[in-house]
Amino acid sequence: MHWLGGGRRIEVPCTVEIEQTAESLHAHVTLDGGLLIAPGDEVTVHDAPTSVPYGERIVVRRQATVVRAGAVERLWTRIAGHFELTELYEVSFSERTRL
């Protein structure tokens, strides 16, 4: 059991879309029933394909398990996510020099 109410498991059908074409390279999972995922929640898609040949797009139906995070895990995930995001902001500027 996760801290303060977490650990609840929810089984839900989902749609997995994977595309690898000249126009797009992506993988999307859409959970049925409008189930919202919050920080710290874990989603496992069962028997999902992991790749598609170049030039193709596949859409398959699968089953997913969502494990809800507890209050402490949610808070920790938000804090850790903030610090990881700020690493993306690190930019370096240097004067133009000739080699």
PDB file of N, CA and C in Angstrom:
ATOM      1  N   MET A   1       0.842  -1.186   0.000  1.00  0.00           N
ATOM      2  CA  MET A   1       0.000   0.000   0.000  1.00  0.00           C
ATOM      3  C   MET A   1       0.879   1.238   0.000  1.00  0.00           C
ATOM      4  N   HIS A   2       0.594   2.157  -0.869  1.00  0.00           N
ATOM      5  CA  HIS A   2       1.371   3.380  -0.954  1.00  0.00           C
ATOM      6  C   HIS A   2       0.939   4.346   0.141  1.00  0.00           C
ATOM      7  N   TRP A   3       1.788   5.307   0.423  1.00  0.00           N
ATOM      8  CA  TRP A   3       1.518   6.282   1.469  1.00  0.00           C
ATOM      9  C   TRP A   3       0.252   7.068   1.186  1.00  0.00           C
ATOM     10  N   LEU A   4      -0.591   7.189   2.194  1.00  0.00           N
ATOM     11  CA  LEU A   4      -1.789   8.032   2.199  1.00  0.00           C
ATOM     12  C   LEU A   4      -2.708   7.810   1.007  1.00  0.00           C
ATOM     13  N   GLY A   5      -3.192   6.605   0.880  1.00  0.00           N
ATOM     14  CA  GLY A   5      -4.255   6.340  -0.079  1.00  0.00           C
ATOM     15  C   GLY A   5      -3.841   5.869  -1.446  1.00  0.00           C
ATOM     16  N   GLY A   6      -2.573   5.705  -1.705  1.00  0.00           N
ATOM     17  CA  GLY A   6      -2.144   5.268  -3.029  1.00  0.00           C
ATOM     18  C   GLY A   6      -2.158   3.759  -3.152  1.00  0.00           C
ATOM     19  N   GLY A   7      -1.768   3.286  -4.310  1.00  0.00           N
ATOM     20  CA  GLY A   7      -1.655   1.858  -4.528  1.00  0.00           C
ATOM     21  C   GLY A   7      -2.882   1.209  -5.117  1.00  0.00           C
ATOM     22  N   ARG A   8      -3.941   1.980  -5.313  1.00  0.00           N
ATOM     23  CA  ARG A   8      -5.157   1.414  -5.907  1.00  0.00           C
ATOM     24  C   ARG A   8      -4.890   1.064  -7.362  1.00  0.00           C
ATOM     25  N   ARG A   9      -5.254  -0.150  -7.754  1.00  0.00           N
ATOM     26  CA  ARG A   9      -5.035  -0.639  -9.122  1.00  0.00           C
ATOM     27  C   ARG A   9      -6.342  -0.545  -9.898  1.00  0.00           C
ATOM     28  N   ILE A  10      -6.248  -0.027 -11.119  1.00  0.00           N
ATOM     29  CA  ILE A  10      -7.410   0.103 -11.989  1.00  0.00           C
ATOM     30  C   ILE A  10      -7.073  -0.549 -13.316  1.00  0.00           C
ATOM     31  N   GLU A  11      -7.905  -1.488 -13.743  1.00  0.00           N
ATOM     32  CA  GLU A  11      -7.740  -2.128 -15.053  1.00  0.00           C
ATOM     33  C   GLU A  11      -8.634  -1.384 -16.039  1.00  0.00           C
ATOM     34  N   VAL A  12      -8.073  -0.989 -17.185  1.00  0.00           N
ATOM     35  CA  VAL A  12      -8.837  -0.203 -18.157  1.00  0.00           C
ATOM     36  C   VAL A  12      -8.396  -0.557 -19.577  1.00  0.00           C
ATOM     37  N   PRO A  13      -9.336  -0.669 -20.518  1.00  0.00           N
ATOM     38  CA  PRO A  13      -8.949  -0.866 -21.916  1.00  0.00           C
ATOM     39  C   PRO A  13      -8.311   0.411 -22.462  1.00  0.00           C
ATOM     40  N   CYS A  14      -7.476   0.265 -23.482  1.00  0.00           N
ATOM     41  CA  CYS A  14      -6.823   1.432 -24.066  1.00  0.00           C
ATOM     42  C   CYS A  14      -6.550   1.209 -25.548  1.00  0.00           C
ATOM     43  N   THR A  15      -6.227   2.300 -26.218  1.00  0.00           N
ATOM     44  CA  THR A  15      -5.841   2.262 -27.625  1.00  0.00           C
ATOM     45  C   THR A  15      -4.387   2.692 -27.723  1.00  0.00           C
ATOM     46  N   VAL A  16      -3.578   1.909 -28.421  1.00  0.00           N
ATOM     47  CA  VAL A  16      -2.163   2.224 -28.638  1.00  0.00           C
ATOM     48  C   VAL A  16      -1.982   2.551 -30.113  1.00  0.00           C
ATOM     49  N   GLU A  17      -1.380   3.704 -30.391  1.00  0.00           N
ATOM     50  CA  GLU A  17      -1.089   4.108 -31.772  1.00  0.00           C
ATOM     51  C   GLU A  17       0.410   4.343 -31.893  1.00  0.00           C
ATOM     52  N   ILE A  18       1.035   3.680 -32.854  1.00  0.00           N
ATOM     53  CA  ILE A  18       2.465   3.862 -33.119  1.00  0.00           C
ATOM     54  C   ILE A  18       2.619   4.172 -34.596  1.00  0.00           C
ATOM     55  N   GLU A  19       3.390   5.226 -34.886  1.00  0.00           N
ATOM     56  CA  GLU A  19       3.621   5.610 -36.281  1.00  0.00           C
ATOM     57  C   GLU A  19       5.096   5.936 -36.483  1.00  0.00           C
ATOM     58  N   GLN A  20       5.650   5.453 -37.598  1.00  0.00           N
ATOM     59  CA  GLN A  20       7.018   5.766 -37.988  1.00  0.00           C
ATOM     60  C   GLN A  20       7.017   6.018 -39.493  1.00  0.00           C
ATOM     61  N   THR A  21       6.780   7.284 -39.844  1.00  0.00           N
ATOM     62  CA  THR A  21       6.736   7.682 -41.248  1.00  0.00           C
ATOM     63  C   THR A  21       7.616   8.904 -41.438  1.00  0.00           C
ATOM     64  N   ALA A  22       7.720   9.370 -42.677  1.00  0.00           N
ATOM     65  CA  ALA A  22       8.494  10.583 -42.942  1.00  0.00           C
ATOM     66  C   ALA A  22       7.854  11.790 -42.268  1.00  0.00           C
ATOM     67  N   GLU A  23       6.544  11.733 -42.049  1.00  0.00           N
ATOM     68  CA  GLU A  23       5.833  12.860 -41.449  1.00  0.00           C
ATOM     69  C   GLU A  23       5.834  12.841 -39.923  1.00  0.00           C
ATOM     70  N   SER A  24       5.928  11.644 -39.326  1.00  0.00           N
ATOM     71  CA  SER A  24       5.762  11.562 -37.877  1.00  0.00           C
ATOM     72  C   SER A  24       6.439  10.325 -37.301  1.00  0.00           C
ATOM     73  N   LEU A  25       6.973  10.484 -36.089  1.00  0.00           N
ATOM     74  CA  LEU A  25       7.501   9.375 -35.301  1.00  0.00           C
ATOM     75  C   LEU A  25       6.908   9.539 -33.908  1.00  0.00           C
ATOM     76  N   HIS A  26       5.932   8.713 -33.545  1.00  0.00           N
ATOM     77  CA  HIS A  26       5.290   8.863 -32.248  1.00  0.00           C
ATOM     78  C   HIS A  26       4.638   7.565 -31.787  1.00  0.00           C
ATOM     79  N   ALA A  27       4.348   7.553 -30.497  1.00  0.00           N
ATOM     80  CA  ALA A  27       3.562   6.479 -29.883  1.00  0.00           C
ATOM     81  C   ALA A  27       2.627   7.144 -28.883  1.00  0.00           C
ATOM     82  N   HIS A  28       1.346   6.836 -28.967  1.00  0.00           N
ATOM     83  CA  HIS A  28       0.348   7.411 -28.066  1.00  0.00           C
ATOM     84  C   HIS A  28      -0.479   6.298 -27.444  1.00  0.00           C
ATOM     85  N   VAL A  29      -0.833   6.490 -26.179  1.00  0.00           N
ATOM     86  CA  VAL A  29      -1.749   5.585 -25.488  1.00  0.00           C
ATOM     87  C   VAL A  29      -2.925   6.419 -25.005  1.00  0.00           C
ATOM     88  N   THR A  30      -4.136   6.000 -25.356  1.00  0.00           N
ATOM     89  CA  THR A  30      -5.351   6.673 -24.908  1.00  0.00           C
ATOM     90  C   THR A  30      -6.142   5.702 -24.046  1.00  0.00           C
ATOM     91  N   LEU A  31      -6.346   6.084 -22.781  1.00  0.00           N
ATOM     92  CA  LEU A  31      -7.101   5.236 -21.859  1.00  0.00           C
ATOM     93  C   LEU A  31      -8.592   5.469 -22.055  1.00  0.00           C
ATOM     94  N   ASP A  32      -9.371   4.399 -22.037  1.00  0.00           N
ATOM     95  CA  ASP A  32     -10.824   4.513 -22.184  1.00  0.00           C
ATOM     96  C   ASP A  32     -11.453   5.111 -20.929  1.00  0.00           C
ATOM     97  N   GLY A  33     -12.649   5.633 -21.092  1.00  0.00           N
ATOM     98  CA  GLY A  33     -13.424   6.104 -19.949  1.00  0.00           C
ATOM     99  C   GLY A  33     -12.994   7.441 -19.392  1.00  0.00           C
ATOM    100  N   GLY A  34     -12.128   8.167 -20.081  1.00  0.00           N
ATOM    101  CA  GLY A  34     -11.717   9.486 -19.604  1.00  0.00           C
ATOM    102  C   GLY A  34     -10.891   9.453 -18.333  1.00  0.00           C
ATOM    103  N   LEU A  35     -10.253   8.345 -18.051  1.00  0.00           N
ATOM    104  CA  LEU A  35      -9.427   8.207 -16.855  1.00  0.00           C
ATOM    105  C   LEU A  35      -8.244   9.162 -16.940  1.00  0.00           C
ATOM    106  N   LEU A  36      -8.088  10.015 -15.925  1.00  0.00           N
ATOM    107  CA  LEU A  36      -6.996  10.982 -15.908  1.00  0.00           C
ATOM    108  C   LEU A  36      -5.814  10.425 -15.125  1.00  0.00           C
ATOM    109  N   ILE A  37      -4.616  10.681 -15.632  1.00  0.00           N
ATOM    110  CA  ILE A  37      -3.381  10.256 -14.977  1.00  0.00           C
ATOM    111  C   ILE A  37      -2.801  11.461 -14.250  1.00  0.00           C
ATOM    112  N   ALA A  38      -2.421  11.264 -12.995  1.00  0.00           N
ATOM    113  CA  ALA A  38      -1.870  12.338 -12.173  1.00  0.00           C
ATOM    114  C   ALA A  38      -0.386  12.071 -11.922  1.00  0.00           C
ATOM    115  N   PRO A  39       0.360  13.089 -11.447  1.00  0.00           N
ATOM    116  CA  PRO A  39       1.780  12.895 -11.163  1.00  0.00           C
ATOM    117  C   PRO A  39       2.004  11.724 -10.202  1.00  0.00           C
ATOM    118  N   GLY A  40       2.946  10.858 -10.558  1.00  0.00           N
ATOM    119  CA  GLY A  40       3.290   9.715  -9.724  1.00  0.00           C
ATOM    120  C   GLY A  40       2.539   8.441 -10.049  1.00  0.00           C
ATOM    121  N   ASP A  41       1.429   8.545 -10.784  1.00  0.00           N
ATOM    122  CA  ASP A  41       0.687   7.342 -11.176  1.00  0.00           C
ATOM    123  C   ASP A  41       1.530   6.521 -12.142  1.00  0.00           C
ATOM    124  N   GLU A  42       1.345   5.210 -12.126  1.00  0.00           N
ATOM    125  CA  GLU A  42       2.061   4.311 -13.030  1.00  0.00           C
ATOM    126  C   GLU A  42       1.069   3.663 -13.981  1.00  0.00           C
ATOM    127  N   VAL A  43       1.424   3.611 -15.265  1.00  0.00           N
ATOM    128  CA  VAL A  43       0.570   2.976 -16.268  1.00  0.00           C
ATOM    129  C   VAL A  43       1.381   1.883 -16.953  1.00  0.00           C
ATOM    130  N   THR A  44       0.836   0.669 -16.979  1.00  0.00           N
ATOM    131  CA  THR A  44       1.453  -0.450 -17.682  1.00  0.00           C
ATOM    132  C   THR A  44       0.480  -0.929 -18.746  1.00  0.00           C
ATOM    133  N   VAL A  45       0.919  -0.913 -20.007  1.00  0.00           N
ATOM    134  CA  VAL A  45       0.098  -1.413 -21.102  1.00  0.00           C
ATOM    135  C   VAL A  45       0.549  -2.844 -21.382  1.00  0.00           C
ATOM    136  N   HIS A  46      -0.389  -3.779 -21.332  1.00  0.00           N
ATOM    137  CA  HIS A  46      -0.071  -5.201 -21.483  1.00  0.00           C
ATOM    138  C   HIS A  46      -0.056  -5.614 -22.952  1.00  0.00           C
ATOM    139  N   ASP A  47       0.994  -6.319 -23.352  1.00  0.00           N
ATOM    140  CA  ASP A  47       1.150  -6.864 -24.709  1.00  0.00           C
ATOM    141  C   ASP A  47       1.108  -5.801 -25.798  1.00  0.00           C
ATOM    142  N   ALA A  48       1.637  -4.634 -25.510  1.00  0.00           N
ATOM    143  CA  ALA A  48       1.653  -3.564 -26.513  1.00  0.00           C
ATOM    144  C   ALA A  48       2.836  -3.747 -27.450  1.00  0.00           C
ATOM    145  N   PRO A  49       2.660  -3.454 -28.734  1.00  0.00           N
ATOM    146  CA  PRO A  49       3.802  -3.497 -29.652  1.00  0.00           C
ATOM    147  C   PRO A  49       4.785  -2.390 -29.277  1.00  0.00           C
ATOM    148  N   THR A  50       6.051  -2.619 -29.551  1.00  0.00           N
ATOM    149  CA  THR A  50       7.062  -1.619 -29.198  1.00  0.00           C
ATOM    150  C   THR A  50       7.686  -0.946 -30.404  1.00  0.00           C
ATOM    151  N   SER A  51       7.388  -1.431 -31.590  1.00  0.00           N
ATOM    152  CA  SER A  51       7.948  -0.805 -32.787  1.00  0.00           C
ATOM    153  C   SER A  51       7.040  -1.085 -33.973  1.00  0.00           C
ATOM    154  N   VAL A  52       7.289  -0.339 -35.033  1.00  0.00           N
ATOM    155  CA  VAL A  52       6.553  -0.504 -36.278  1.00  0.00           C
ATOM    156  C   VAL A  52       7.551  -0.258 -37.408  1.00  0.00           C
ATOM    157  N   PRO A  53       7.478  -1.003 -38.496  1.00  0.00           N
ATOM    158  CA  PRO A  53       8.414  -0.779 -39.602  1.00  0.00           C
ATOM    159  C   PRO A  53       8.273   0.632 -40.179  1.00  0.00           C
ATOM    160  N   TYR A  54       9.383   1.151 -40.719  1.00  0.00           N
ATOM    161  CA  TYR A  54       9.366   2.493 -41.296  1.00  0.00           C
ATOM    162  C   TYR A  54       8.292   2.582 -42.378  1.00  0.00           C
ATOM    163  N   GLY A  55       7.579   3.702 -42.365  1.00  0.00           N
ATOM    164  CA  GLY A  55       6.536   3.949 -43.350  1.00  0.00           C
ATOM    165  C   GLY A  55       5.171   3.428 -42.939  1.00  0.00           C
ATOM    166  N   GLU A  56       5.072   2.878 -41.722  1.00  0.00           N
ATOM    167  CA  GLU A  56       3.805   2.294 -41.298  1.00  0.00           C
ATOM    168  C   GLU A  56       3.259   2.946 -40.037  1.00  0.00           C
ATOM    169  N   ARG A  57       1.967   2.730 -39.826  1.00  0.00           N
ATOM    170  CA  ARG A  57       1.252   3.197 -38.638  1.00  0.00           C
ATOM    171  C   ARG A  57       0.334   2.064 -38.200  1.00  0.00           C
ATOM    172  N   ILE A  58       0.342   1.758 -36.894  1.00  0.00           N
ATOM    173  CA  ILE A  58      -0.568   0.731 -36.393  1.00  0.00           C
ATOM    174  C   ILE A  58      -1.397   1.301 -35.244  1.00  0.00           C
ATOM    175  N   VAL A  59      -2.608   0.806 -35.115  1.00  0.00           N
ATOM    176  CA  VAL A  59      -3.490   1.149 -34.003  1.00  0.00           C
ATOM    177  C   VAL A  59      -4.042  -0.171 -33.474  1.00  0.00           C
ATOM    178  N   VAL A  60      -3.815  -0.435 -32.181  1.00  0.00           N
ATOM    179  CA  VAL A  60      -4.262  -1.688 -31.572  1.00  0.00           C
ATOM    180  C   VAL A  60      -4.986  -1.404 -30.260  1.00  0.00           C
ATOM    181  N   ARG A  61      -5.856  -2.319 -29.878  1.00  0.00           N
ATOM    182  CA  ARG A  61      -6.557  -2.246 -28.597  1.00  0.00           C
ATOM    183  C   ARG A  61      -5.842  -3.172 -27.613  1.00  0.00           C
ATOM    184  N   ARG A  62      -5.593  -2.675 -26.418  1.00  0.00           N
ATOM    185  CA  ARG A  62      -4.926  -3.454 -25.384  1.00  0.00           C
ATOM    186  C   ARG A  62      -5.565  -3.161 -24.031  1.00  0.00           C
ATOM    187  N   GLN A  63      -5.074  -3.849 -22.997  1.00  0.00           N
ATOM    188  CA  GLN A  63      -5.512  -3.632 -21.623  1.00  0.00           C
ATOM    189  C   GLN A  63      -4.384  -2.934 -20.876  1.00  0.00           C
ATOM    190  N   ALA A  64      -4.720  -1.976 -20.000  1.00  0.00           N
ATOM    191  CA  ALA A  64      -3.723  -1.255 -19.215  1.00  0.00           C
ATOM    192  C   ALA A  64      -4.056  -1.370 -17.732  1.00  0.00           C
ATOM    193  N   THR A  65      -3.014  -1.322 -16.904  1.00  0.00           N
ATOM    194  CA  THR A  65      -3.173  -1.283 -15.455  1.00  0.00           C
ATOM    195  C   THR A  65      -2.642   0.055 -14.970  1.00  0.00           C
ATOM    196  N   VAL A  66      -3.473   0.792 -14.240  1.00  0.00           N
ATOM    197  CA  VAL A  66      -3.073   2.076 -13.659  1.00  0.00           C
ATOM    198  C   VAL A  66      -2.948   1.873 -12.157  1.00  0.00           C
ATOM    199  N   VAL A  67      -1.794   2.253 -11.589  1.00  0.00           N
ATOM    200  CA  VAL A  67      -1.586   2.197 -10.143  1.00  0.00           C
ATOM    201  C   VAL A  67      -1.503   3.636  -9.663  1.00  0.00           C
ATOM    202  N   ARG A  68      -2.466   4.018  -8.820  1.00  0.00           N
ATOM    203  CA  ARG A  68      -2.535   5.386  -8.318  1.00  0.00           C
ATOM    204  C   ARG A  68      -1.445   5.649  -7.281  1.00  0.00           C
ATOM    205  N   ALA A  69      -0.835   6.825  -7.355  1.00  0.00           N
ATOM    206  CA  ALA A  69       0.178   7.239  -6.387  1.00  0.00           C
ATOM    207  C   ALA A  69      -0.504   7.782  -5.135  1.00  0.00           C
ATOM    208  N   GLY A  70       0.184   7.657  -4.007  1.00  0.00           N
ATOM    209  CA  GLY A  70      -0.299   8.252  -2.767  1.00  0.00           C
ATOM    210  C   GLY A  70       0.084   9.724  -2.708  1.00  0.00           C
ATOM    211  N   ALA A  71      -0.365  10.412  -1.675  1.00  0.00           N
ATOM    212  CA  ALA A  71      -0.131  11.852  -1.536  1.00  0.00           C
ATOM    213  C   ALA A  71       1.364  12.190  -1.475  1.00  0.00           C
ATOM    214  N   VAL A  72       2.130  11.398  -0.732  1.00  0.00           N
ATOM    215  CA  VAL A  72       3.570  11.664  -0.607  1.00  0.00           C
ATOM    216  C   VAL A  72       4.267  11.446  -1.952  1.00  0.00           C
ATOM    217  N   GLU A  73       3.906  10.376  -2.650  1.00  0.00           N
ATOM    218  CA  GLU A  73       4.501  10.106  -3.966  1.00  0.00           C
ATOM    219  C   GLU A  73       4.162  11.210  -4.966  1.00  0.00           C
ATOM    220  N   ARG A  74       2.919  11.706  -4.915  1.00  0.00           N
ATOM    221  CA  ARG A  74       2.514  12.797  -5.819  1.00  0.00           C
ATOM    222  C   ARG A  74       3.347  14.046  -5.577  1.00  0.00           C
ATOM    223  N   LEU A  75       3.490  14.392  -4.292  1.00  0.00           N
ATOM    224  CA  LEU A  75       4.276  15.576  -3.939  1.00  0.00           C
ATOM    225  C   LEU A  75       5.724  15.403  -4.390  1.00  0.00           C
ATOM    226  N   TRP A  76       6.316  14.244  -4.102  1.00  0.00           N
ATOM    227  CA  TRP A  76       7.707  13.990  -4.490  1.00  0.00           C
ATOM    228  C   TRP A  76       7.880  14.071  -6.003  1.00  0.00           C
ATOM    229  N   THR A  77       6.938  13.517  -6.754  1.00  0.00           N
ATOM    230  CA  THR A  77       7.011  13.544  -8.217  1.00  0.00           C
ATOM    231  C   THR A  77       6.947  14.972  -8.734  1.00  0.00           C
ATOM    232  N   ARG A  78       6.086  15.794  -8.140  1.00  0.00           N
ATOM    233  CA  ARG A  78       5.990  17.202  -8.561  1.00  0.00           C
ATOM    234  C   ARG A  78       7.299  17.950  -8.289  1.00  0.00           C
ATOM    235  N   ILE A  79       7.864  17.732  -7.111  1.00  0.00           N
ATOM    236  CA  ILE A  79       9.119  18.408  -6.759  1.00  0.00           C
ATOM    237  C   ILE A  79      10.248  17.950  -7.675  1.00  0.00           C
ATOM    238  N   ALA A  80      10.403  16.645  -7.848  1.00  0.00           N
ATOM    239  CA  ALA A  80      11.468  16.112  -8.710  1.00  0.00           C
ATOM    240  C   ALA A  80      11.275  16.575 -10.146  1.00  0.00           C
ATOM    241  N   GLY A  81      10.042  16.593 -10.623  1.00  0.00           N
ATOM    242  CA  GLY A  81       9.758  17.054 -11.983  1.00  0.00           C
ATOM    243  C   GLY A  81      10.131  18.504 -12.189  1.00  0.00           C
ATOM    244  N   HIS A  82       9.907  19.329 -11.172  1.00  0.00           N
ATOM    245  CA  HIS A  82      10.269  20.745 -11.278  1.00  0.00           C
ATOM    246  C   HIS A  82      11.777  20.900 -11.468  1.00  0.00           C
ATOM    247  N   PHE A  83      12.564  20.175 -10.682  1.00  0.00           N
ATOM    248  CA  PHE A  83      14.013  20.293 -10.794  1.00  0.00           C
ATOM    249  C   PHE A  83      14.532  19.718 -12.104  1.00  0.00           C
ATOM    250  N   GLU A  84      13.919  18.656 -12.600  1.00  0.00           N
ATOM    251  CA  GLU A  84      14.341  18.097 -13.883  1.00  0.00           C
ATOM    252  C   GLU A  84      13.997  19.040 -15.020  1.00  0.00           C
ATOM    253  N   LEU A  85      12.854  19.718 -14.921  1.00  0.00           N
ATOM    254  CA  LEU A  85      12.451  20.664 -15.952  1.00  0.00           C
ATOM    255  C   LEU A  85      13.389  21.861 -15.988  1.00  0.00           C
ATOM    256  N   THR A  86      13.838  22.335 -14.833  1.00  0.00           N
ATOM    257  CA  THR A  86      14.718  23.501 -14.826  1.00  0.00           C
ATOM    258  C   THR A  86      16.054  23.196 -15.488  1.00  0.00           C
ATOM    259  N   GLU A  87      16.447  21.926 -15.551  1.00  0.00           N
ATOM    260  CA  GLU A  87      17.678  21.578 -16.259  1.00  0.00           C
ATOM    261  C   GLU A  87      17.565  21.909 -17.740  1.00  0.00           C
ATOM    262  N   LEU A  88      16.357  21.855 -18.273  1.00  0.00           N
ATOM    263  CA  LEU A  88      16.154  22.192 -19.682  1.00  0.00           C
ATOM    264  C   LEU A  88      16.368  23.673 -19.948  1.00  0.00           C
ATOM    265  N   TYR A  89      16.210  24.500 -18.905  1.00  0.00           N
ATOM    266  CA  TYR A  89      16.354  25.944 -19.073  1.00  0.00           C
ATOM    267  C   TYR A  89      17.811  26.387 -19.108  1.00  0.00           C
ATOM    268  N   GLU A  90      18.720  25.513 -18.738  1.00  0.00           N
ATOM    269  CA  GLU A  90      20.125  25.889 -18.670  1.00  0.00           C
ATOM    270  C   GLU A  90      20.660  26.150 -20.075  1.00  0.00           C
ATOM    271  N   VAL A  91      21.037  27.393 -20.304  1.00  0.00           N
ATOM    272  CA  VAL A  91      21.523  27.809 -21.616  1.00  0.00           C
ATOM    273  C   VAL A  91      22.857  28.513 -21.420  1.00  0.00           C
ATOM    274  N   SER A  92      23.748  28.315 -22.349  1.00  0.00           N
ATOM    275  CA  SER A  92      25.062  28.941 -22.258  1.00  0.00           C
ATOM    276  C   SER A  92      25.247  29.910 -23.412  1.00  0.00           C
ATOM    277  N   PHE A  93      25.739  31.094 -23.090  1.00  0.00           N
ATOM    278  CA  PHE A  93      26.066  32.078 -24.110  1.00  0.00           C
ATOM    279  C   PHE A  93      27.557  32.376 -24.011  1.00  0.00           C
ATOM    280  N   SER A  94      28.200  32.457 -25.134  1.00  0.00           N
ATOM    281  CA  SER A  94      29.617  32.803 -25.127  1.00  0.00           C
ATOM    282  C   SER A  94      29.871  33.816 -26.229  1.00  0.00           C
ATOM    283  N   GLU A  95      30.926  34.590 -26.036  1.00  0.00           N
ATOM    284  CA  GLU A  95      31.269  35.595 -27.041  1.00  0.00           C
ATOM    285  C   GLU A  95      31.761  34.905 -28.298  1.00  0.00           C
ATOM    286  N   ARG A  96      31.558  35.583 -29.410  1.00  0.00           N
ATOM    287  CA  ARG A  96      32.068  35.041 -30.670  1.00  0.00           C
ATOM    288  C   ARG A  96      33.585  35.140 -30.694  1.00  0.00           C
ATOM    289  N   THR A  97      34.197  34.034 -30.969  1.00  0.00           N
ATOM    290  CA  THR A  97      35.654  34.037 -31.084  1.00  0.00           C
ATOM    291  C   THR A  97      36.035  33.291 -32.339  1.00  0.00           C
ATOM    292  N   ARG A  98      37.184  33.646 -32.864  1.00  0.00           N
ATOM    293  CA  ARG A  98      37.697  32.942 -34.036  1.00  0.00           C
ATOM    294  C   ARG A  98      38.713  31.920 -33.595  1.00  0.00           C
ATOM    295  N   LEU A  99      38.637  30.780 -34.205  1.00  0.00           N
ATOM    296  CA  LEU A  99      39.610  29.735 -33.878  1.00  0.00           C
ATOM    297  C   LEU A  99      40.789  29.819 -34.799  1.00  0.00           C
TER     298      LEU A  99
END
